[in-house]
Structures are given as C-alpha cells and as structure tokens.
C-alpha cells in the first residue's frame, strides 16, 4: 500500500533531520515510488538543495517536488504539446507553493539580504537553525504534494 501524504512528509522530514538538503529530503522520500534506490535519489537531488548549490535560488524542496512531477508527467519526446503537460503541472504546483509560502525563492523564504553572499558550506543544523527558517514546513508541504502526484 502506498504511503499517505503525511507518511511521505514524515519520511522527508526524517531525511532533513539527518542532515540531507531540502531537495534530497523530498525526492528520497519518494525514491521507491519513482523506481530509484535511496542512494540514487539522494545523489540525483544533491545539487538542488539550498536554492541550487546553496545559491539561494528556487527552493530546494520545490526542486525535489519538480523532480517527482517530471517522473509523473515528463515528456519523452521533443513535441511541444508533450512538454506543455509537465510545464503546466509544475506551474500549478508553483502556484500552490507560492500561495502557501509567498515565494519560490530560497533567499526570500529565509529573509536573506540580496547583498549577502554565502559560501558553499552549509550551516550547522541546530535547534536555532530549524527554528529560524521555514524549511521544515516547505519540505513537508512538497513531500505531501509529491505523494498526491504519485497517488492521485
């Protein structure tokens, strides 16, 4: 029996609390459902965390969800109509995410000044880290959305 959206969200949060990035957490929670091993999912999503490579662009949790959307509705031809299907789905998911969180941008979700430049090294995961950011909520939301895509 497939996981419920809450079970998928709980799995994703467990990955996140182990130190995996937001994209890895969402995608790995769906690994078996998309036909990948945990290790494959973790590797494929690794570069998407923290707004892609910790550059604070598009939310990593949303990137993980986008990978699941591609699995569900991705095009296997170069036909524009086939591409439109996945693009429409991702836009719908983006609208839901933005309605919930106000933006798709990691930097804005974290309220980071545009002039602040961070290095590639992630911050230490502490209680203050988790308390100061919406990442857990974003991971849980995107994982639940992914479960809904996989089992409509």
C-alpha atoms as a PDB file:
ATOM      1  CA  UNK A   1       0.000   0.000   0.000  1.00  0.00           C
ATOM      2  CA  UNK A   2       1.403   3.441  -0.921  1.00  0.00           C
ATOM      3  CA  UNK A   3       2.336   5.972   1.717  1.00  0.00           C
ATOM      4  CA  UNK A   4      -0.155   8.667   2.623  1.00  0.00           C
ATOM      5  CA  UNK A   5       0.864  12.281   2.049  1.00  0.00           C
ATOM      6  CA  UNK A   6       1.526  12.586   5.813  1.00  0.00           C
ATOM      7  CA  UNK A   7       3.734   9.476   5.810  1.00  0.00           C
ATOM      8  CA  UNK A   8       5.702  10.834   2.852  1.00  0.00           C
ATOM      9  CA  UNK A   9       6.082  14.186   4.628  1.00  0.00           C
ATOM     10  CA  UNK A  10       7.286  12.390   7.764  1.00  0.00           C
ATOM     11  CA  UNK A  11       9.856  10.437   5.716  1.00  0.00           C
ATOM     12  CA  UNK A  12      11.072  13.638   4.084  1.00  0.00           C
ATOM     13  CA  UNK A  13      11.422  15.356   7.455  1.00  0.00           C
ATOM     14  CA  UNK A  14      13.367  12.365   8.782  1.00  0.00           C
ATOM     15  CA  UNK A  15      15.852  12.773   5.911  1.00  0.00           C
ATOM     16  CA  UNK A  16      16.035  16.515   6.527  1.00  0.00           C
ATOM     17  CA  UNK A  17      16.731  15.985  10.233  1.00  0.00           C
ATOM     18  CA  UNK A  18      19.537  13.587   9.307  1.00  0.00           C
ATOM     19  CA  UNK A  19      21.247  16.489   7.522  1.00  0.00           C
ATOM     20  CA  UNK A  20      20.172  15.910   3.926  1.00  0.00           C
ATOM     21  CA  UNK A  21      19.255  19.023   1.996  1.00  0.00           C
ATOM     22  CA  UNK A  22      15.678  20.002   1.233  1.00  0.00           C
ATOM     23  CA  UNK A  23      15.648  18.656  -2.336  1.00  0.00           C
ATOM     24  CA  UNK A  24      17.212  15.355  -1.288  1.00  0.00           C
ATOM     25  CA  UNK A  25      14.721  15.010   1.541  1.00  0.00           C
ATOM     26  CA  UNK A  26      11.663  15.393  -0.683  1.00  0.00           C
ATOM     27  CA  UNK A  27      12.966  13.268  -3.540  1.00  0.00           C
ATOM     28  CA  UNK A  28      14.410  10.470  -1.391  1.00  0.00           C
ATOM     29  CA  UNK A  29      11.089  10.166   0.433  1.00  0.00           C
ATOM     30  CA  UNK A  30       9.645   9.212  -2.969  1.00  0.00           C
ATOM     31  CA  UNK A  31      12.576   7.119  -4.208  1.00  0.00           C
ATOM     32  CA  UNK A  32      10.831   3.746  -4.247  1.00  0.00           C
ATOM     33  CA  UNK A  33       7.739   5.278  -5.857  1.00  0.00           C
ATOM     34  CA  UNK A  34       9.780   6.660  -8.765  1.00  0.00           C
ATOM     35  CA  UNK A  35      11.740   3.427  -9.190  1.00  0.00           C
ATOM     36  CA  UNK A  36      15.032   4.568  -7.678  1.00  0.00           C
ATOM     37  CA  UNK A  37      17.094   3.406  -4.765  1.00  0.00           C
ATOM     38  CA  UNK A  38      17.528   5.737  -1.832  1.00  0.00           C
ATOM     39  CA  UNK A  39      21.157   6.319  -2.862  1.00  0.00           C
ATOM     40  CA  UNK A  40      20.186   7.171  -6.447  1.00  0.00           C
ATOM     41  CA  UNK A  41      17.548   9.658  -5.314  1.00  0.00           C
ATOM     42  CA  UNK A  42      19.912  11.272  -2.820  1.00  0.00           C
ATOM     43  CA  UNK A  43      22.606  11.705  -5.460  1.00  0.00           C
ATOM     44  CA  UNK A  44      20.288  12.986  -8.183  1.00  0.00           C
ATOM     45  CA  UNK A  45      18.801  15.655  -5.921  1.00  0.00           C
ATOM     46  CA  UNK A  46      22.024  16.628  -4.118  1.00  0.00           C
ATOM     47  CA  UNK A  47      22.844  19.701  -6.208  1.00  0.00           C
ATOM     48  CA  UNK A  48      19.380  21.213  -5.933  1.00  0.00           C
ATOM     49  CA  UNK A  49      19.497  21.944  -2.196  1.00  0.00           C
ATOM     50  CA  UNK A  50      19.564  25.403  -0.636  1.00  0.00           C
ATOM     51  CA  UNK A  51      18.249  27.040  -3.766  1.00  0.00           C
ATOM     52  CA  UNK A  52      20.536  25.076  -6.141  1.00  0.00           C
ATOM     53  CA  UNK A  53      24.065  24.688  -4.888  1.00  0.00           C
ATOM     54  CA  UNK A  54      23.381  26.927  -1.889  1.00  0.00           C
ATOM     55  CA  UNK A  55      22.998  29.907  -4.217  1.00  0.00           C
ATOM     56  CA  UNK A  56      19.542  30.591  -2.714  1.00  0.00           C
ATOM     57  CA  UNK A  57      17.592  30.467  -5.969  1.00  0.00           C
ATOM     58  CA  UNK A  58      14.496  28.314  -6.355  1.00  0.00           C
ATOM     59  CA  UNK A  59      13.593  26.484  -3.136  1.00  0.00           C
ATOM     60  CA  UNK A  60      15.262  23.080  -2.977  1.00  0.00           C
ATOM     61  CA  UNK A  61      12.175  21.399  -1.561  1.00  0.00           C
ATOM     62  CA  UNK A  62      10.264  22.640  -4.593  1.00  0.00           C
ATOM     63  CA  UNK A  63      13.058  21.345  -6.840  1.00  0.00           C
ATOM     64  CA  UNK A  64      12.600  17.905  -5.261  1.00  0.00           C
ATOM     65  CA  UNK A  65       8.881  18.131  -5.972  1.00  0.00           C
ATOM     66  CA  UNK A  66       9.645  19.160  -9.548  1.00  0.00           C
ATOM     67  CA  UNK A  67      11.721  16.006 -10.000  1.00  0.00           C
ATOM     68  CA  UNK A  68       8.701  13.949  -8.930  1.00  0.00           C
ATOM     69  CA  UNK A  69       6.483  15.933 -11.315  1.00  0.00           C
ATOM     70  CA  UNK A  70       8.892  15.089 -14.120  1.00  0.00           C
ATOM     71  CA  UNK A  71       8.647  11.418 -13.219  1.00  0.00           C
ATOM     72  CA  UNK A  72       4.857  11.573 -13.282  1.00  0.00           C
ATOM     73  CA  UNK A  73       4.241  13.756 -16.340  1.00  0.00           C
ATOM     74  CA  UNK A  74       7.611  14.347 -18.001  1.00  0.00           C
ATOM     75  CA  UNK A  75       7.816  14.350 -21.777  1.00  0.00           C
ATOM     76  CA  UNK A  76       9.591  11.592 -23.663  1.00  0.00           C
ATOM     77  CA  UNK A  77       9.564  13.470 -26.970  1.00  0.00           C
ATOM     78  CA  UNK A  78      10.565  16.929 -28.094  1.00  0.00           C
ATOM     79  CA  UNK A  79       6.969  17.633 -29.029  1.00  0.00           C
ATOM     80  CA  UNK A  80       5.771  20.993 -27.645  1.00  0.00           C
ATOM     81  CA  UNK A  81       2.418  19.520 -26.600  1.00  0.00           C
ATOM     82  CA  UNK A  82       4.197  16.875 -24.518  1.00  0.00           C
ATOM     83  CA  UNK A  83       6.403  19.500 -22.865  1.00  0.00           C
ATOM     84  CA  UNK A  84       3.358  21.625 -22.101  1.00  0.00           C
ATOM     85  CA  UNK A  85       1.880  18.883 -19.885  1.00  0.00           C
ATOM     86  CA  UNK A  86       4.759  18.858 -17.403  1.00  0.00           C
ATOM     87  CA  UNK A  87       5.221  22.621 -17.573  1.00  0.00           C
ATOM     88  CA  UNK A  88       1.537  23.154 -16.732  1.00  0.00           C
ATOM     89  CA  UNK A  89       1.815  20.756 -13.798  1.00  0.00           C
ATOM     90  CA  UNK A  90       4.921  22.486 -12.426  1.00  0.00           C
ATOM     91  CA  UNK A  91       3.216  25.884 -12.755  1.00  0.00           C
ATOM     92  CA  UNK A  92       0.209  24.564 -10.842  1.00  0.00           C
ATOM     93  CA  UNK A  93       2.476  23.221  -8.097  1.00  0.00           C
ATOM     94  CA  UNK A  94       4.391  26.521  -8.031  1.00  0.00           C
ATOM     95  CA  UNK A  95       1.144  28.453  -7.578  1.00  0.00           C
ATOM     96  CA  UNK A  96       0.187  26.237  -4.626  1.00  0.00           C
ATOM     97  CA  UNK A  97       3.642  26.624  -3.071  1.00  0.00           C
ATOM     98  CA  UNK A  98       3.605  30.390  -3.560  1.00  0.00           C
ATOM     99  CA  UNK A  99       0.110  30.640  -2.074  1.00  0.00           C
ATOM    100  CA  UNK A 100       1.387  28.787   0.996  1.00  0.00           C
ATOM    101  CA  UNK A 101       4.797  30.440   1.426  1.00  0.00           C
ATOM    102  CA  UNK A 102       4.697  33.688  -0.567  1.00  0.00           C
ATOM    103  CA  UNK A 103       7.636  32.921  -2.867  1.00  0.00           C
ATOM    104  CA  UNK A 104       9.550  30.124  -4.582  1.00  0.00           C
ATOM    105  CA  UNK A 105      12.905  31.757  -3.872  1.00  0.00           C
ATOM    106  CA  UNK A 106      15.052  30.312  -1.092  1.00  0.00           C
ATOM    107  CA  UNK A 107      16.683  33.679  -0.352  1.00  0.00           C
ATOM    108  CA  UNK A 108      13.271  35.297   0.171  1.00  0.00           C
ATOM    109  CA  UNK A 109      11.948  32.369   2.218  1.00  0.00           C
ATOM    110  CA  UNK A 110      14.937  32.797   4.536  1.00  0.00           C
ATOM    111  CA  UNK A 111      14.666  36.614   4.538  1.00  0.00           C
ATOM    112  CA  UNK A 112      18.286  36.964   3.425  1.00  0.00           C
ATOM    113  CA  UNK A 113      19.504  40.288   2.135  1.00  0.00           C
ATOM    114  CA  UNK A 114      20.260  40.158  -1.599  1.00  0.00           C
ATOM    115  CA  UNK A 115      23.746  41.505  -0.944  1.00  0.00           C
ATOM    116  CA  UNK A 116      24.660  38.684   1.460  1.00  0.00           C
ATOM    117  CA  UNK A 117      26.849  36.168  -0.326  1.00  0.00           C
ATOM    118  CA  UNK A 118      27.228  32.770   1.298  1.00  0.00           C
ATOM    119  CA  UNK A 119      29.793  30.116   0.552  1.00  0.00           C
ATOM    120  CA  UNK A 120      29.036  26.565  -0.444  1.00  0.00           C
ATOM    121  CA  UNK A 121      29.498  25.189   3.088  1.00  0.00           C
ATOM    122  CA  UNK A 122      26.116  24.524   4.746  1.00  0.00           C
ATOM    123  CA  UNK A 123      25.343  25.846   8.195  1.00  0.00           C
ATOM    124  CA  UNK A 124      25.346  23.593  11.223  1.00  0.00           C
ATOM    125  CA  UNK A 125      21.965  22.040  11.976  1.00  0.00           C
ATOM    126  CA  UNK A 126      20.961  23.214  15.430  1.00  0.00           C
ATOM    127  CA  UNK A 127      17.673  23.976  17.131  1.00  0.00           C
ATOM    128  CA  UNK A 128      18.229  27.651  16.251  1.00  0.00           C
ATOM    129  CA  UNK A 129      18.797  26.666  12.609  1.00  0.00           C
ATOM    130  CA  UNK A 130      15.467  24.837  12.434  1.00  0.00           C
ATOM    131  CA  UNK A 131      13.605  27.494  14.437  1.00  0.00           C
ATOM    132  CA  UNK A 132      14.806  30.372  12.236  1.00  0.00           C
ATOM    133  CA  UNK A 133      13.611  29.102   8.876  1.00  0.00           C
ATOM    134  CA  UNK A 134      10.535  27.648   7.168  1.00  0.00           C
ATOM    135  CA  UNK A 135      12.471  24.763   5.596  1.00  0.00           C
ATOM    136  CA  UNK A 136      10.766  22.003   7.589  1.00  0.00           C
ATOM    137  CA  UNK A 137       7.359  23.307   6.529  1.00  0.00           C
ATOM    138  CA  UNK A 138       8.496  23.593   2.893  1.00  0.00           C
ATOM    139  CA  UNK A 139       9.883  20.034   2.918  1.00  0.00           C
ATOM    140  CA  UNK A 140       6.701  18.607   4.466  1.00  0.00           C
ATOM    141  CA  UNK A 141       4.461  20.550   2.063  1.00  0.00           C
ATOM    142  CA  UNK A 142       6.403  19.474  -1.038  1.00  0.00           C
ATOM    143  CA  UNK A 143       6.632  15.848   0.083  1.00  0.00           C
ATOM    144  CA  UNK A 144       2.868  15.716   0.650  1.00  0.00           C
ATOM    145  CA  UNK A 145       2.307  17.281  -2.796  1.00  0.00           C
ATOM    146  CA  UNK A 146       4.650  14.672  -4.292  1.00  0.00           C
ATOM    147  CA  UNK A 147       2.676  11.861  -2.654  1.00  0.00           C
ATOM    148  CA  UNK A 148      -0.520  13.307  -4.125  1.00  0.00           C
ATOM    149  CA  UNK A 149       1.083  13.316  -7.585  1.00  0.00           C
ATOM    150  CA  UNK A 150       2.229   9.724  -7.242  1.00  0.00           C
ATOM    151  CA  UNK A 151      -1.147   8.516  -5.947  1.00  0.00           C
ATOM    152  CA  UNK A 152      -3.893  10.849  -7.147  1.00  0.00           C
END
